[in-house]
Amino acid sequence: MFLGKFKLWFSKYRYTLLLSVMCALFCIFCLIKYDLYIVKDNSMLPTLKNNDVVITKKVSKSNIPRLTGKIIVFYFPYGRNKSIMELNVSNIYIKRCVGDPGDTISISNGYISNSKRSDTINIFTQEIDYSLVDINSLSPRSYDVITNNHNYKCDNIFNMKQIYIPRKGETILLTEELYYLYKKIIDSEGSYDDLDSCYTFLNNYYFACGDNILKSIDSRHWGFIPESFIIGYK
């Protein structure tokens, strides 16, 4: 009798049951493949504004696609100790990747160029005379790795000469200027001998900036992002 009632119930609700199972499987798939974040500032204007919801695809550590031009989510590469990179899971940033490992980037009048692309990456940058901007009023100096380095000369965060983004296994001639540019990477990787004239990077790194380049605190200030700190992309 019970079996008969079950068959009757199943025949009546089988499509609803099937739909529920499919929805559950889809939700599980989304939880595995995607993350949801809420934007907490205006550094990505006009693309993203404060309190916008962003759905990103999780990265596979064994097969990260080229990220330049994409919006990325990552753990901020510094904690209380600002002199060395460390995983800071309590501080998640959303920016636009402007350089992958092995790329060379430069910034001219606020526009970012990448050696692997023919176009300007930050197409949303407003037409501003950056020479009139008071840099000190915009950027806190505590994290400055590139623009506030007396051994690595840049005009300001809107005009930066060519910067090579480290790629795992790549060896560079370590001049004094480059040593100070990559010092936090070198200190974090812990494989440098003071007698060496060259350095081989142990990891891949990325460079990211906010679309609202006037009001964004990003890689121009604190430097490179280790590959292992990348969470996802859009």
Protein backbone atom coordinates (compact mmCIF):
# COMPACT_ATOMS: atom_id res chain seq x y z
CA MET A 1 0.00 0.00 0.00
CA PHE A 2 2.84 2.35 0.91
CA LEU A 3 4.56 1.55 -2.37
CA GLY A 4 1.41 2.39 -4.25
CA LYS A 5 1.08 5.77 -2.52
CA PHE A 6 4.75 6.50 -3.20
CA LYS A 7 4.32 5.74 -6.91
CA LEU A 8 1.28 8.01 -7.01
CA TRP A 9 3.17 10.80 -5.24
CA PHE A 10 6.23 10.37 -7.46
CA SER A 11 4.19 10.42 -10.66
CA LYS A 12 2.56 13.65 -9.48
CA TYR A 13 5.72 15.47 -8.37
CA ARG A 14 8.45 13.86 -10.45
CA TYR A 15 9.12 16.98 -12.53
CA THR A 16 9.23 19.19 -9.44
CA LEU A 17 11.62 16.72 -7.80
CA LEU A 18 13.81 16.58 -10.89
CA LEU A 19 13.92 20.37 -11.07
CA SER A 20 14.87 20.59 -7.38
CA VAL A 21 17.71 18.12 -7.85
CA MET A 22 18.98 20.02 -10.88
CA CYS A 23 18.86 23.32 -8.97
CA ALA A 24 20.74 21.77 -6.06
CA LEU A 25 23.44 20.40 -8.37
CA PHE A 26 23.72 23.78 -10.09
CA CYS A 27 24.16 25.53 -6.73
CA ILE A 28 26.87 23.06 -5.73
CA PHE A 29 28.61 23.65 -9.06
CA CYS A 30 28.47 27.42 -8.54
CA LEU A 31 29.86 27.15 -5.01
CA ILE A 32 32.78 25.12 -6.35
CA LYS A 33 33.51 27.32 -9.36
CA TYR A 34 32.48 30.83 -8.33
CA ASP A 35 32.69 33.32 -5.47
CA LEU A 36 30.60 36.38 -4.61
CA TYR A 37 32.09 39.61 -3.27
CA ILE A 38 30.76 43.02 -2.30
CA VAL A 39 32.78 46.05 -3.42
CA LYS A 40 33.78 48.19 -0.42
CA ASP A 41 35.18 51.33 -2.06
CA ASN A 42 35.13 53.40 -5.25
CA SER A 43 38.60 52.51 -6.55
CA MET A 44 37.08 50.65 -9.53
CA LEU A 45 34.78 53.45 -10.74
CA PRO A 46 33.16 53.68 -13.22
CA THR A 47 33.21 49.89 -13.72
CA LEU A 48 32.26 49.01 -10.15
CA LYS A 49 30.94 51.24 -7.40
CA ASN A 50 30.71 50.88 -3.64
CA ASN A 51 28.35 48.04 -2.57
CA ASP A 52 28.21 46.47 -6.04
CA VAL A 53 28.11 42.66 -6.04
CA VAL A 54 30.79 40.91 -8.10
CA ILE A 55 30.71 37.24 -9.10
CA THR A 56 34.16 35.88 -9.92
CA LYS A 57 35.44 32.58 -11.22
CA LYS A 58 37.82 30.82 -8.87
CA VAL A 59 41.32 30.29 -10.23
CA SER A 60 42.80 26.85 -10.63
CA LYS A 61 46.30 27.01 -9.19
CA SER A 62 47.49 24.52 -11.79
CA ASN A 63 46.07 26.41 -14.76
CA ILE A 64 45.69 30.16 -14.29
CA PRO A 65 44.65 31.89 -17.53
CA ARG A 66 46.13 35.16 -18.70
CA LEU A 67 44.58 37.80 -16.44
CA THR A 68 45.68 41.13 -17.97
CA GLY A 69 42.61 43.28 -18.60
CA LYS A 70 40.42 41.21 -16.29
CA ILE A 71 39.03 42.21 -12.89
CA ILE A 72 40.75 40.11 -10.23
CA VAL A 73 40.15 39.38 -6.57
CA PHE A 74 43.17 38.71 -4.36
CA TYR A 75 44.46 38.70 -0.82
CA PHE A 76 46.33 41.88 0.05
CA PRO A 77 50.03 40.91 0.10
CA TYR A 78 50.93 42.59 3.40
CA GLY A 79 49.91 42.22 7.01
CA ARG A 80 51.22 44.10 10.02
CA ASN A 81 54.78 43.70 8.77
CA LYS A 82 54.87 45.99 5.75
CA SER A 83 58.43 45.07 4.82
CA ILE A 84 57.69 41.50 3.75
CA MET A 85 54.94 39.82 1.78
CA GLU A 86 52.55 37.60 3.70
CA LEU A 87 49.10 36.17 3.15
CA ASN A 88 46.47 38.46 4.64
CA VAL A 89 43.19 36.55 4.36
CA SER A 90 41.28 39.24 6.24
CA ASN A 91 41.96 41.87 3.57
CA ILE A 92 40.62 41.15 0.08
CA TYR A 93 41.14 43.56 -2.82
CA ILE A 94 39.30 43.94 -6.13
CA LYS A 95 41.32 45.58 -8.92
CA ARG A 96 42.05 45.20 -12.64
CA CYS A 97 45.06 43.13 -13.60
CA VAL A 98 47.35 45.17 -15.86
CA GLY A 99 50.27 42.77 -16.06
CA ASP A 100 50.89 39.01 -15.95
CA PRO A 101 54.17 37.27 -15.06
CA GLY A 102 56.80 38.11 -17.67
CA ASP A 103 55.05 41.27 -18.91
CA THR A 104 56.57 44.74 -18.89
CA ILE A 105 54.29 47.67 -18.12
CA SER A 106 54.65 51.45 -18.14
CA ILE A 107 52.34 54.34 -17.22
CA SER A 108 52.19 57.60 -19.14
CA ASN A 109 49.85 60.40 -18.04
CA GLY A 110 47.71 57.86 -16.19
CA TYR A 111 47.39 55.42 -19.09
CA ILE A 112 48.83 51.93 -18.64
CA SER A 113 50.63 50.11 -21.45
CA ASN A 114 51.57 46.44 -21.48
CA SER A 115 54.30 44.92 -23.65
CA LYS A 116 51.97 42.08 -24.69
CA ARG A 117 49.10 44.35 -25.81
CA SER A 118 48.74 47.05 -28.44
CA ASP A 119 45.91 48.90 -26.69
CA THR A 120 45.70 50.88 -23.46
CA ILE A 121 44.47 48.67 -20.61
CA ASN A 122 42.67 51.20 -18.41
CA ILE A 123 40.31 52.48 -21.08
CA PHE A 124 38.06 54.05 -18.44
CA THR A 125 40.68 56.50 -17.19
CA GLN A 126 39.29 60.01 -17.33
CA GLU A 127 41.11 62.70 -19.28
CA ILE A 128 42.96 64.48 -16.47
CA ASP A 129 46.09 66.61 -16.41
CA TYR A 130 47.92 64.51 -13.84
CA SER A 131 50.77 67.00 -13.64
CA LEU A 132 48.40 69.24 -11.68
CA VAL A 133 47.49 66.56 -9.13
CA ASP A 134 48.95 66.78 -5.63
CA ILE A 135 50.34 63.24 -5.28
CA ASN A 136 50.95 63.52 -1.55
CA SER A 137 47.29 64.30 -0.93
CA LEU A 138 46.19 61.11 -2.67
CA SER A 139 48.49 58.30 -1.65
CA PRO A 140 49.53 57.19 1.83
CA ARG A 141 53.30 56.72 1.89
CA SER A 142 53.47 53.73 4.22
CA TYR A 143 53.10 51.06 1.53
CA ASP A 144 54.96 52.82 -1.28
CA VAL A 145 57.25 50.27 -2.90
CA ILE A 146 57.74 51.75 -6.34
CA THR A 147 56.91 55.45 -6.42
CA ASN A 148 58.53 56.35 -3.09
CA ASN A 149 61.78 54.46 -3.57
CA HIS A 150 64.83 56.69 -3.69
CA ASN A 151 66.71 54.04 -5.65
CA TYR A 152 64.01 53.55 -8.28
CA LYS A 153 63.06 56.83 -9.91
CA CYS A 154 59.54 57.50 -11.17
CA ASP A 155 57.92 60.88 -11.66
CA ASN A 156 54.76 59.86 -9.79
CA ILE A 157 52.04 57.20 -9.78
CA PHE A 158 50.70 58.50 -13.12
CA ASN A 159 54.04 58.40 -14.93
CA MET A 160 56.16 55.31 -14.36
CA LYS A 161 58.90 53.95 -16.56
CA GLN A 162 59.04 50.32 -17.67
CA ILE A 163 58.56 47.78 -14.90
CA TYR A 164 59.18 44.08 -15.46
CA ILE A 165 56.69 41.79 -13.66
CA PRO A 166 58.58 38.77 -12.30
CA ARG A 167 58.00 35.34 -13.79
CA LYS A 168 58.96 32.11 -12.04
CA GLY A 169 62.39 30.86 -13.17
CA GLU A 170 63.34 34.18 -14.80
CA THR A 171 66.81 35.47 -13.94
CA ILE A 172 67.66 39.16 -13.94
CA LEU A 173 70.89 41.10 -13.54
CA LEU A 174 70.45 42.63 -10.11
CA THR A 175 71.55 46.25 -10.32
CA GLU A 176 71.14 48.42 -7.23
CA GLU A 177 68.06 50.01 -8.77
CA LEU A 178 66.41 46.66 -9.50
CA TYR A 179 67.37 45.26 -6.12
CA TYR A 180 65.32 47.95 -4.40
CA LEU A 181 62.44 47.55 -6.86
CA TYR A 182 62.17 43.83 -6.10
CA LYS A 183 63.47 43.93 -2.52
CA LYS A 184 60.24 42.81 -0.86
CA ILE A 185 59.95 39.89 -3.27
CA ILE A 186 63.56 38.93 -2.65
CA ASP A 187 63.17 39.19 1.12
CA SER A 188 59.95 37.17 1.01
CA GLU A 189 61.39 34.41 -1.15
CA GLY A 190 64.48 34.26 1.07
CA SER A 191 66.87 32.83 -1.51
CA TYR A 192 69.24 35.72 -2.11
CA ASP A 193 72.94 35.80 -1.30
CA ASP A 194 74.38 39.31 -0.98
CA LEU A 195 77.31 38.22 -3.14
CA ASP A 196 75.08 37.32 -6.09
CA SER A 197 74.91 39.69 -9.06
CA CYS A 198 71.83 37.96 -10.49
CA TYR A 199 68.53 36.84 -9.03
CA THR A 200 66.15 34.06 -10.14
CA PHE A 201 62.52 34.51 -9.12
CA LEU A 202 60.92 31.56 -7.35
CA ASN A 203 57.30 32.55 -8.01
CA ASN A 204 55.01 34.30 -10.47
CA TYR A 205 53.70 37.79 -9.75
CA TYR A 206 51.00 40.14 -11.03
CA PHE A 207 50.44 43.90 -11.18
CA ALA A 208 46.97 45.40 -10.59
CA CYS A 209 45.46 48.90 -10.61
CA GLY A 210 42.04 50.38 -9.96
CA ASP A 211 40.03 51.79 -12.88
CA ASN A 212 39.59 54.96 -10.83
CA ILE A 213 43.30 55.55 -11.09
CA LEU A 214 43.14 58.88 -9.28
CA LYS A 215 41.68 57.40 -6.09
CA SER A 216 43.02 53.84 -6.11
CA ILE A 217 45.70 52.48 -3.78
CA ASP A 218 47.17 49.58 -5.74
CA SER A 219 50.32 47.97 -7.14
CA ARG A 220 51.70 51.38 -8.04
CA HIS A 221 52.00 52.00 -4.29
CA TRP A 222 52.73 48.62 -2.68
CA GLY A 223 54.05 46.53 -5.56
CA PHE A 224 53.51 43.02 -6.87
CA ILE A 225 50.93 40.33 -6.10
CA PRO A 226 52.13 36.71 -5.66
CA GLU A 227 50.29 34.25 -7.89
CA SER A 228 49.24 32.17 -4.88
CA PHE A 229 47.34 35.20 -3.51
CA ILE A 230 45.01 35.41 -6.53
CA ILE A 231 41.52 34.15 -5.60
CA GLY A 232 39.47 34.67 -8.74
CA TYR A 233 38.74 36.78 -11.79
CA LYS A 234 35.85 38.23 -13.79
